[in-house]
C-alpha atoms as a PDB file:
ATOM      1  CA  UNK A   1      83.093  37.542  97.837  1.00  0.00           C
ATOM      2  CA  UNK A   2      85.731  40.169  98.555  1.00  0.00           C
ATOM      3  CA  UNK A   3      84.978  43.857  98.599  1.00  0.00           C
ATOM      4  CA  UNK A   4      81.480  43.402  97.119  1.00  0.00           C
ATOM      5  CA  UNK A   5      80.516  41.502 100.257  1.00  0.00           C
ATOM      6  CA  UNK A   6      81.507  44.381 102.519  1.00  0.00           C
ATOM      7  CA  UNK A   7      78.804  46.508 104.102  1.00  0.00           C
ATOM      8  CA  UNK A   8      77.657  49.372 101.867  1.00  0.00           C
ATOM      9  CA  UNK A   9      79.877  48.418  98.897  1.00  0.00           C
ATOM     10  CA  UNK A  10      76.933  47.383  96.747  1.00  0.00           C
ATOM     11  CA  UNK A  11      75.007  50.503  97.701  1.00  0.00           C
ATOM     12  CA  UNK A  12      77.974  52.695  96.734  1.00  0.00           C
ATOM     13  CA  UNK A  13      78.193  51.015  93.329  1.00  0.00           C
ATOM     14  CA  UNK A  14      74.443  51.430  92.852  1.00  0.00           C
ATOM     15  CA  UNK A  15      74.755  55.129  93.729  1.00  0.00           C
ATOM     16  CA  UNK A  16      77.441  55.538  91.082  1.00  0.00           C
ATOM     17  CA  UNK A  17      75.374  53.599  88.539  1.00  0.00           C
ATOM     18  CA  UNK A  18      72.532  56.046  89.238  1.00  0.00           C
ATOM     19  CA  UNK A  19      74.786  58.968  88.301  1.00  0.00           C
ATOM     20  CA  UNK A  20      75.790  60.211  91.740  1.00  0.00           C
ATOM     21  CA  UNK A  21      79.461  61.169  91.550  1.00  0.00           C
ATOM     22  CA  UNK A  22      80.220  63.443  94.523  1.00  0.00           C
ATOM     23  CA  UNK A  23      80.704  62.141  98.064  1.00  0.00           C
ATOM     24  CA  UNK A  24      77.656  64.020  99.366  1.00  0.00           C
ATOM     25  CA  UNK A  25      75.476  62.694  96.534  1.00  0.00           C
ATOM     26  CA  UNK A  26      76.642  59.147  97.189  1.00  0.00           C
ATOM     27  CA  UNK A  27      76.029  59.553 100.937  1.00  0.00           C
ATOM     28  CA  UNK A  28      72.510  60.868 100.328  1.00  0.00           C
ATOM     29  CA  UNK A  29      71.719  58.031  97.902  1.00  0.00           C
ATOM     30  CA  UNK A  30      73.107  55.344 100.213  1.00  0.00           C
ATOM     31  CA  UNK A  31      71.624  56.731 103.437  1.00  0.00           C
ATOM     32  CA  UNK A  32      72.516  55.238 106.807  1.00  0.00           C
ATOM     33  CA  UNK A  33      76.262  54.791 106.321  1.00  0.00           C
ATOM     34  CA  UNK A  34      78.534  57.034 108.353  1.00  0.00           C
ATOM     35  CA  UNK A  35      80.952  59.274 106.478  1.00  0.00           C
ATOM     36  CA  UNK A  36      83.858  57.212 107.840  1.00  0.00           C
ATOM     37  CA  UNK A  37      82.402  53.934 106.559  1.00  0.00           C
ATOM     38  CA  UNK A  38      81.482  55.463 103.211  1.00  0.00           C
ATOM     39  CA  UNK A  39      84.964  56.922 102.821  1.00  0.00           C
ATOM     40  CA  UNK A  40      86.564  53.579 103.705  1.00  0.00           C
ATOM     41  CA  UNK A  41      84.364  51.738 101.220  1.00  0.00           C
ATOM     42  CA  UNK A  42      85.178  54.204  98.422  1.00  0.00           C
ATOM     43  CA  UNK A  43      88.900  53.782  99.144  1.00  0.00           C
ATOM     44  CA  UNK A  44      88.550  49.988  99.004  1.00  0.00           C
ATOM     45  CA  UNK A  45      86.573  50.112  95.771  1.00  0.00           C
ATOM     46  CA  UNK A  46      89.231  52.391  94.265  1.00  0.00           C
ATOM     47  CA  UNK A  47      92.039  50.102  95.457  1.00  0.00           C
ATOM     48  CA  UNK A  48      90.291  47.080  93.897  1.00  0.00           C
ATOM     49  CA  UNK A  49      89.856  48.810  90.543  1.00  0.00           C
ATOM     50  CA  UNK A  50      86.071  49.174  90.637  1.00  0.00           C
ATOM     51  CA  UNK A  51      85.987  52.946  91.128  1.00  0.00           C
ATOM     52  CA  UNK A  52      88.187  55.835  90.015  1.00  0.00           C
ATOM     53  CA  UNK A  53      88.641  58.930  92.195  1.00  0.00           C
ATOM     54  CA  UNK A  54      89.029  62.154  90.193  1.00  0.00           C
ATOM     55  CA  UNK A  55      90.449  65.303  91.823  1.00  0.00           C
ATOM     56  CA  UNK A  56      90.102  68.697  90.144  1.00  0.00           C
ATOM     57  CA  UNK A  57      92.531  71.106  91.831  1.00  0.00           C
ATOM     58  CA  UNK A  58      90.168  74.088  91.753  1.00  0.00           C
ATOM     59  CA  UNK A  59      89.786  76.330  93.538  1.00  0.00           C
ATOM     60  CA  UNK A  60      87.672  74.975  95.005  1.00  0.00           C
ATOM     61  CA  UNK A  61      89.010  71.418  94.958  1.00  0.00           C
ATOM     62  CA  UNK A  62      86.441  69.041  93.486  1.00  0.00           C
ATOM     63  CA  UNK A  63      86.445  65.270  94.004  1.00  0.00           C
ATOM     64  CA  UNK A  64      84.232  62.948  91.983  1.00  0.00           C
ATOM     65  CA  UNK A  65      84.001  59.188  91.624  1.00  0.00           C
ATOM     66  CA  UNK A  66      83.200  57.075  88.567  1.00  0.00           C
ATOM     67  CA  UNK A  67      82.919  53.365  87.941  1.00  0.00           C
ATOM     68  CA  UNK A  68      85.507  51.503  85.926  1.00  0.00           C
ATOM     69  CA  UNK A  69      84.483  48.819  83.457  1.00  0.00           C
ATOM     70  CA  UNK A  70      84.857  46.283  86.276  1.00  0.00           C
ATOM     71  CA  UNK A  71      82.591  48.435  88.443  1.00  0.00           C
ATOM     72  CA  UNK A  72      79.934  48.523  85.739  1.00  0.00           C
ATOM     73  CA  UNK A  73      80.273  44.753  85.362  1.00  0.00           C
ATOM     74  CA  UNK A  74      79.194  44.374  89.011  1.00  0.00           C
ATOM     75  CA  UNK A  75      75.702  45.710  88.199  1.00  0.00           C
ATOM     76  CA  UNK A  76      74.167  42.351  87.172  1.00  0.00           C
ATOM     77  CA  UNK A  77      75.670  40.692  90.245  1.00  0.00           C
ATOM     78  CA  UNK A  78      74.084  43.281  92.533  1.00  0.00           C
ATOM     79  CA  UNK A  79      70.764  42.944  90.712  1.00  0.00           C
ATOM     80  CA  UNK A  80      70.878  39.157  91.161  1.00  0.00           C
ATOM     81  CA  UNK A  81      71.513  39.583  94.896  1.00  0.00           C
ATOM     82  CA  UNK A  82      68.604  42.028  95.154  1.00  0.00           C
ATOM     83  CA  UNK A  83      66.303  39.664  93.240  1.00  0.00           C
ATOM     84  CA  UNK A  84      67.299  36.785  95.510  1.00  0.00           C
ATOM     85  CA  UNK A  85      66.579  38.879  98.600  1.00  0.00           C
ATOM     86  CA  UNK A  86      63.148  39.819  97.277  1.00  0.00           C
ATOM     87  CA  UNK A  87      62.322  36.226  96.348  1.00  0.00           C
ATOM     88  CA  UNK A  88      63.525  34.824  99.688  1.00  0.00           C
ATOM     89  CA  UNK A  89      62.906  37.419 102.412  1.00  0.00           C
ATOM     90  CA  UNK A  90      62.804  34.705 105.072  1.00  0.00           C
ATOM     91  CA  UNK A  91      66.439  33.861 104.311  1.00  0.00           C
ATOM     92  CA  UNK A  92      67.739  37.407 104.044  1.00  0.00           C
ATOM     93  CA  UNK A  93      65.856  38.990 106.971  1.00  0.00           C
ATOM     94  CA  UNK A  94      68.071  40.641 109.569  1.00  0.00           C
ATOM     95  CA  UNK A  95      66.079  39.344 112.544  1.00  0.00           C
END
């Protein structure tokens, strides 16, 4: 399953699909992930070609993130996982 199976990766992609492009916007959308984990996941998604990191030199320096075509292509996969979880809560429960 690769990087999409990592904690918070799907939530980060969903945040970007929803139009959140700055780190703070993504963090607010995702909720619950530490900054360190969120930063690590964004780096992994960039390294795998799902996300592009844009840096505007400023001042002030501005960093935004956008999905690549491959990142957008992950949307139906994430939706299928969500639908499965809703249809089978007994299987996906964390208890």
